[in-house]
Amino acid sequence: MLVLRLSGWRILARRMKAKAGTGLGEIDIVARRGRTIAFIEVKARADHTAAQESVTQAQRTRIARAAQVFVERNPACADCDIRFDVMSLGGGWWPQRIADAWRP
């Protein structure tokens, strides 16, 4: 996404699926800036608050498991700091991102 690139993030993956058929889930965007890897869930709703609140605990668990698979597949990321963000689309022209929205 342009908003991430403009703030210095490099997109590593989009719609990254952990393992097909295992229920481990999918990560919308994986981005890196320096030593930080952000696993970003993108939600579109009528407004930003609804979008941000729509990430359920079950989704968070699946995203965390998929993030673990990503790090295992990419040994260069093993030393990086990991965080989970939510990017919301709705209620305005520009997306909003909650950095470090949750911890698994």
N, C-alpha and C. Protein backbone atom coordinates (compact mmCIF):
# COMPACT_ATOMS: atom_id res chain seq x y z
N MET A 1 0.83 -1.18 0.00
CA MET A 1 0.00 0.00 0.00
C MET A 1 0.87 1.24 0.00
N LEU A 2 0.42 2.22 -0.67
CA LEU A 2 1.15 3.47 -0.82
C LEU A 2 1.43 4.13 0.53
N VAL A 3 0.45 4.11 1.41
CA VAL A 3 0.62 4.77 2.71
C VAL A 3 1.78 4.14 3.49
N LEU A 4 1.97 2.86 3.38
CA LEU A 4 3.09 2.20 4.06
C LEU A 4 4.42 2.59 3.40
N ARG A 5 4.46 2.56 2.10
CA ARG A 5 5.69 2.91 1.40
C ARG A 5 6.10 4.35 1.68
N LEU A 6 5.13 5.24 1.73
CA LEU A 6 5.44 6.65 2.00
C LEU A 6 6.02 6.85 3.41
N SER A 7 5.72 5.94 4.32
CA SER A 7 6.25 6.06 5.67
C SER A 7 7.47 5.16 5.90
N GLY A 8 8.08 4.69 4.81
CA GLY A 8 9.34 3.98 4.91
C GLY A 8 9.27 2.46 5.03
N TRP A 9 8.10 1.87 4.86
CA TRP A 9 7.96 0.42 4.96
C TRP A 9 8.18 -0.22 3.60
N ARG A 10 8.76 -1.41 3.61
CA ARG A 10 8.94 -2.21 2.40
C ARG A 10 7.98 -3.39 2.49
N ILE A 11 7.16 -3.57 1.48
CA ILE A 11 6.19 -4.66 1.46
C ILE A 11 6.92 -5.96 1.13
N LEU A 12 6.83 -6.93 2.04
CA LEU A 12 7.46 -8.23 1.83
C LEU A 12 6.50 -9.24 1.23
N ALA A 13 5.21 -9.14 1.59
CA ALA A 13 4.22 -10.09 1.08
C ALA A 13 2.83 -9.47 1.19
N ARG A 14 1.97 -9.92 0.30
CA ARG A 14 0.55 -9.56 0.35
C ARG A 14 -0.25 -10.85 0.29
N ARG A 15 -1.28 -10.90 1.09
CA ARG A 15 -2.17 -12.07 1.13
C ARG A 15 -1.38 -13.36 1.30
N MET A 16 -0.47 -13.35 2.27
CA MET A 16 0.39 -14.50 2.54
C MET A 16 -0.42 -15.57 3.27
N LYS A 17 -0.51 -16.74 2.65
CA LYS A 17 -1.23 -17.86 3.27
C LYS A 17 -0.20 -18.76 3.95
N ALA A 18 -0.50 -19.12 5.19
CA ALA A 18 0.44 -19.94 5.95
C ALA A 18 0.55 -21.33 5.34
N LYS A 19 -0.50 -22.12 5.43
CA LYS A 19 -0.52 -23.46 4.84
C LYS A 19 -1.94 -23.75 4.42
N ALA A 20 -2.12 -24.02 3.17
CA ALA A 20 -3.46 -24.27 2.65
C ALA A 20 -4.09 -25.47 3.34
N GLY A 21 -5.33 -25.30 3.75
CA GLY A 21 -6.08 -26.39 4.34
C GLY A 21 -5.81 -26.66 5.81
N THR A 22 -4.92 -25.91 6.44
CA THR A 22 -4.61 -26.17 7.85
C THR A 22 -5.35 -25.24 8.79
N GLY A 23 -5.98 -24.20 8.25
CA GLY A 23 -6.68 -23.26 9.10
C GLY A 23 -5.77 -22.27 9.78
N LEU A 24 -4.51 -22.21 9.34
CA LEU A 24 -3.57 -21.29 9.97
C LEU A 24 -3.81 -19.85 9.57
N GLY A 25 -4.49 -19.62 8.50
CA GLY A 25 -4.87 -18.28 8.17
C GLY A 25 -4.01 -17.59 7.13
N GLU A 26 -4.33 -16.32 6.95
CA GLU A 26 -3.73 -15.50 5.93
C GLU A 26 -3.41 -14.14 6.55
N ILE A 27 -2.33 -13.56 6.08
CA ILE A 27 -1.94 -12.23 6.53
C ILE A 27 -2.09 -11.30 5.33
N ASP A 28 -2.81 -10.20 5.52
CA ASP A 28 -3.06 -9.29 4.40
C ASP A 28 -1.77 -8.65 3.88
N ILE A 29 -0.98 -8.09 4.78
CA ILE A 29 0.27 -7.43 4.38
C ILE A 29 1.35 -7.75 5.39
N VAL A 30 2.53 -8.09 4.89
CA VAL A 30 3.72 -8.22 5.72
C VAL A 30 4.67 -7.13 5.25
N ALA A 31 5.10 -6.27 6.16
CA ALA A 31 5.96 -5.15 5.79
C ALA A 31 7.14 -5.06 6.76
N ARG A 32 8.23 -4.48 6.26
CA ARG A 32 9.43 -4.35 7.09
C ARG A 32 9.98 -2.92 7.00
N ARG A 33 10.37 -2.42 8.15
CA ARG A 33 11.09 -1.14 8.23
C ARG A 33 12.19 -1.33 9.25
N GLY A 34 13.42 -1.29 8.80
CA GLY A 34 14.53 -1.54 9.70
C GLY A 34 14.48 -2.96 10.23
N ARG A 35 14.52 -3.08 11.56
CA ARG A 35 14.47 -4.40 12.21
C ARG A 35 13.06 -4.79 12.65
N THR A 36 12.05 -4.08 12.19
CA THR A 36 10.67 -4.37 12.59
C THR A 36 9.90 -4.98 11.44
N ILE A 37 9.24 -6.10 11.72
CA ILE A 37 8.33 -6.73 10.77
C ILE A 37 6.92 -6.50 11.30
N ALA A 38 6.05 -5.94 10.46
CA ALA A 38 4.66 -5.71 10.84
C ALA A 38 3.77 -6.64 10.03
N PHE A 39 2.93 -7.36 10.75
CA PHE A 39 1.90 -8.20 10.14
C PHE A 39 0.62 -7.40 10.24
N ILE A 40 0.08 -7.01 9.09
CA ILE A 40 -1.00 -6.01 9.06
C ILE A 40 -2.29 -6.64 8.56
N GLU A 41 -3.32 -6.53 9.37
CA GLU A 41 -4.67 -6.95 8.99
C GLU A 41 -5.40 -5.73 8.46
N VAL A 42 -5.94 -5.81 7.25
CA VAL A 42 -6.64 -4.70 6.62
C VAL A 42 -8.14 -4.96 6.72
N LYS A 43 -8.87 -3.96 7.22
CA LYS A 43 -10.33 -4.08 7.35
C LYS A 43 -10.99 -2.85 6.76
N ALA A 44 -12.05 -3.07 5.99
CA ALA A 44 -12.84 -1.98 5.43
C ALA A 44 -14.25 -2.05 6.01
N ARG A 45 -14.66 -0.96 6.60
CA ARG A 45 -16.00 -0.85 7.19
C ARG A 45 -16.51 0.57 6.95
N ALA A 46 -17.70 0.86 7.43
CA ALA A 46 -18.30 2.18 7.23
C ALA A 46 -17.47 3.29 7.89
N ASP A 47 -16.84 2.97 9.01
CA ASP A 47 -15.97 3.95 9.67
C ASP A 47 -14.76 3.25 10.26
N HIS A 48 -13.75 4.03 10.63
CA HIS A 48 -12.49 3.46 11.11
C HIS A 48 -12.66 2.68 12.41
N THR A 49 -13.49 3.15 13.30
CA THR A 49 -13.67 2.46 14.58
C THR A 49 -14.26 1.07 14.36
N ALA A 50 -15.28 0.97 13.54
CA ALA A 50 -15.88 -0.33 13.25
C ALA A 50 -14.87 -1.26 12.60
N ALA A 51 -14.06 -0.73 11.71
CA ALA A 51 -13.04 -1.55 11.04
C ALA A 51 -12.02 -2.07 12.05
N GLN A 52 -11.57 -1.21 12.93
CA GLN A 52 -10.56 -1.60 13.90
C GLN A 52 -11.09 -2.60 14.92
N GLU A 53 -12.34 -2.47 15.27
CA GLU A 53 -12.94 -3.38 16.26
C GLU A 53 -13.37 -4.71 15.64
N SER A 54 -13.32 -4.83 14.33
CA SER A 54 -13.82 -6.05 13.68
C SER A 54 -12.81 -7.19 13.67
N VAL A 55 -11.62 -6.98 14.16
CA VAL A 55 -10.61 -8.05 14.21
C VAL A 55 -10.88 -8.87 15.47
N THR A 56 -11.39 -10.07 15.29
CA THR A 56 -11.78 -10.91 16.42
C THR A 56 -10.57 -11.61 17.04
N GLN A 57 -10.78 -12.15 18.21
CA GLN A 57 -9.72 -12.90 18.88
C GLN A 57 -9.30 -14.12 18.06
N ALA A 58 -10.26 -14.78 17.43
CA ALA A 58 -9.94 -15.94 16.59
C ALA A 58 -9.06 -15.52 15.41
N GLN A 59 -9.37 -14.38 14.80
CA GLN A 59 -8.54 -13.88 13.70
C GLN A 59 -7.13 -13.55 14.19
N ARG A 60 -7.04 -12.94 15.35
CA ARG A 60 -5.74 -12.59 15.90
C ARG A 60 -4.89 -13.85 16.13
N THR A 61 -5.51 -14.89 16.61
CA THR A 61 -4.80 -16.15 16.85
C THR A 61 -4.31 -16.74 15.54
N ARG A 62 -5.17 -16.76 14.51
CA ARG A 62 -4.77 -17.29 13.21
C ARG A 62 -3.65 -16.45 12.58
N ILE A 63 -3.75 -15.15 12.71
CA ILE A 63 -2.71 -14.26 12.15
C ILE A 63 -1.39 -14.48 12.87
N ALA A 64 -1.43 -14.64 14.18
CA ALA A 64 -0.19 -14.89 14.94
C ALA A 64 0.46 -16.20 14.51
N ARG A 65 -0.35 -17.24 14.29
CA ARG A 65 0.19 -18.52 13.83
C ARG A 65 0.78 -18.39 12.42
N ALA A 66 0.09 -17.66 11.55
CA ALA A 66 0.60 -17.45 10.19
C ALA A 66 1.89 -16.63 10.23
N ALA A 67 1.98 -15.68 11.14
CA ALA A 67 3.20 -14.89 11.29
C ALA A 67 4.37 -15.77 11.70
N GLN A 68 4.11 -16.72 12.57
CA GLN A 68 5.15 -17.66 12.99
C GLN A 68 5.65 -18.46 11.79
N VAL A 69 4.74 -18.90 10.93
CA VAL A 69 5.12 -19.64 9.73
C VAL A 69 5.96 -18.75 8.82
N PHE A 70 5.57 -17.48 8.66
CA PHE A 70 6.33 -16.56 7.82
C PHE A 70 7.76 -16.42 8.32
N VAL A 71 7.93 -16.23 9.61
CA VAL A 71 9.27 -16.07 10.18
C VAL A 71 10.09 -17.35 9.99
N GLU A 72 9.45 -18.50 10.16
CA GLU A 72 10.15 -19.78 9.95
C GLU A 72 10.60 -19.93 8.50
N ARG A 73 9.80 -19.46 7.55
CA ARG A 73 10.14 -19.55 6.13
C ARG A 73 11.20 -18.53 5.72
N ASN A 74 11.37 -17.48 6.51
CA ASN A 74 12.28 -16.39 6.18
C ASN A 74 13.28 -16.19 7.31
N PRO A 75 14.33 -16.99 7.34
CA PRO A 75 15.30 -16.93 8.44
C PRO A 75 15.92 -15.54 8.64
N ALA A 76 15.98 -14.72 7.60
CA ALA A 76 16.54 -13.37 7.73
C ALA A 76 15.68 -12.51 8.66
N CYS A 77 14.45 -12.92 8.91
CA CYS A 77 13.55 -12.15 9.77
C CYS A 77 13.59 -12.63 11.23
N ALA A 78 14.37 -13.66 11.51
CA ALA A 78 14.37 -14.26 12.84
C ALA A 78 14.83 -13.29 13.93
N ASP A 79 15.71 -12.35 13.60
CA ASP A 79 16.22 -11.40 14.58
C ASP A 79 15.36 -10.14 14.71
N CYS A 80 14.33 -10.04 13.90
CA CYS A 80 13.52 -8.82 13.84
C CYS A 80 12.50 -8.75 14.98
N ASP A 81 12.12 -7.53 15.28
CA ASP A 81 11.02 -7.30 16.21
C ASP A 81 9.72 -7.51 15.44
N ILE A 82 8.77 -8.18 16.06
CA ILE A 82 7.50 -8.52 15.42
C ILE A 82 6.40 -7.70 16.07
N ARG A 83 5.50 -7.19 15.22
CA ARG A 83 4.32 -6.53 15.76
C ARG A 83 3.13 -6.78 14.84
N PHE A 84 1.95 -6.57 15.40
CA PHE A 84 0.71 -6.81 14.67
C PHE A 84 -0.07 -5.49 14.61
N ASP A 85 -0.35 -5.06 13.39
CA ASP A 85 -1.05 -3.79 13.16
C ASP A 85 -2.41 -4.05 12.53
N VAL A 86 -3.28 -3.06 12.64
CA VAL A 86 -4.56 -3.07 11.94
C VAL A 86 -4.63 -1.82 11.09
N MET A 87 -4.92 -1.99 9.80
CA MET A 87 -5.12 -0.86 8.90
C MET A 87 -6.59 -0.82 8.57
N SER A 88 -7.21 0.33 8.85
CA SER A 88 -8.65 0.44 8.61
C SER A 88 -8.91 1.37 7.44
N LEU A 89 -9.88 0.95 6.63
CA LEU A 89 -10.33 1.74 5.49
C LEU A 89 -11.79 2.08 5.74
N GLY A 90 -12.10 3.33 5.75
CA GLY A 90 -13.49 3.74 5.95
C GLY A 90 -13.58 5.07 6.64
N GLY A 91 -14.58 5.82 6.28
CA GLY A 91 -14.81 7.09 6.95
C GLY A 91 -13.81 8.17 6.58
N GLY A 92 -13.16 8.04 5.46
CA GLY A 92 -12.22 9.07 5.05
C GLY A 92 -11.41 8.65 3.85
N TRP A 93 -10.61 9.56 3.36
CA TRP A 93 -9.82 9.29 2.18
C TRP A 93 -8.57 8.48 2.47
N TRP A 94 -8.03 8.63 3.63
CA TRP A 94 -6.74 8.05 3.95
C TRP A 94 -6.91 6.93 4.97
N PRO A 95 -6.27 5.79 4.78
CA PRO A 95 -6.38 4.70 5.75
C PRO A 95 -5.74 5.09 7.09
N GLN A 96 -6.23 4.49 8.14
CA GLN A 96 -5.63 4.68 9.46
C GLN A 96 -5.00 3.37 9.89
N ARG A 97 -3.85 3.47 10.55
CA ARG A 97 -3.16 2.27 11.01
C ARG A 97 -2.94 2.36 12.50
N ILE A 98 -3.31 1.28 13.19
CA ILE A 98 -3.00 1.16 14.61
C ILE A 98 -1.76 0.28 14.69
N ALA A 99 -0.66 0.89 15.06
CA ALA A 99 0.59 0.15 15.20
C ALA A 99 0.55 -0.63 16.51
N ASP A 100 1.04 -1.87 16.45
CA ASP A 100 1.10 -2.73 17.63
C ASP A 100 -0.28 -2.86 18.28
N ALA A 101 -1.26 -3.20 17.44
CA ALA A 101 -2.66 -3.24 17.87
C ALA A 101 -2.94 -4.32 18.90
N TRP A 102 -2.17 -5.40 18.87
CA TRP A 102 -2.34 -6.48 19.87
C TRP A 102 -1.06 -7.26 19.98
N ARG A 103 -0.98 -8.03 21.05
CA ARG A 103 0.13 -8.95 21.29
C ARG A 103 -0.45 -10.34 21.44
N PRO A 104 0.13 -11.33 20.73
CA PRO A 104 -0.39 -12.70 20.87
C PRO A 104 -0.03 -13.31 22.22
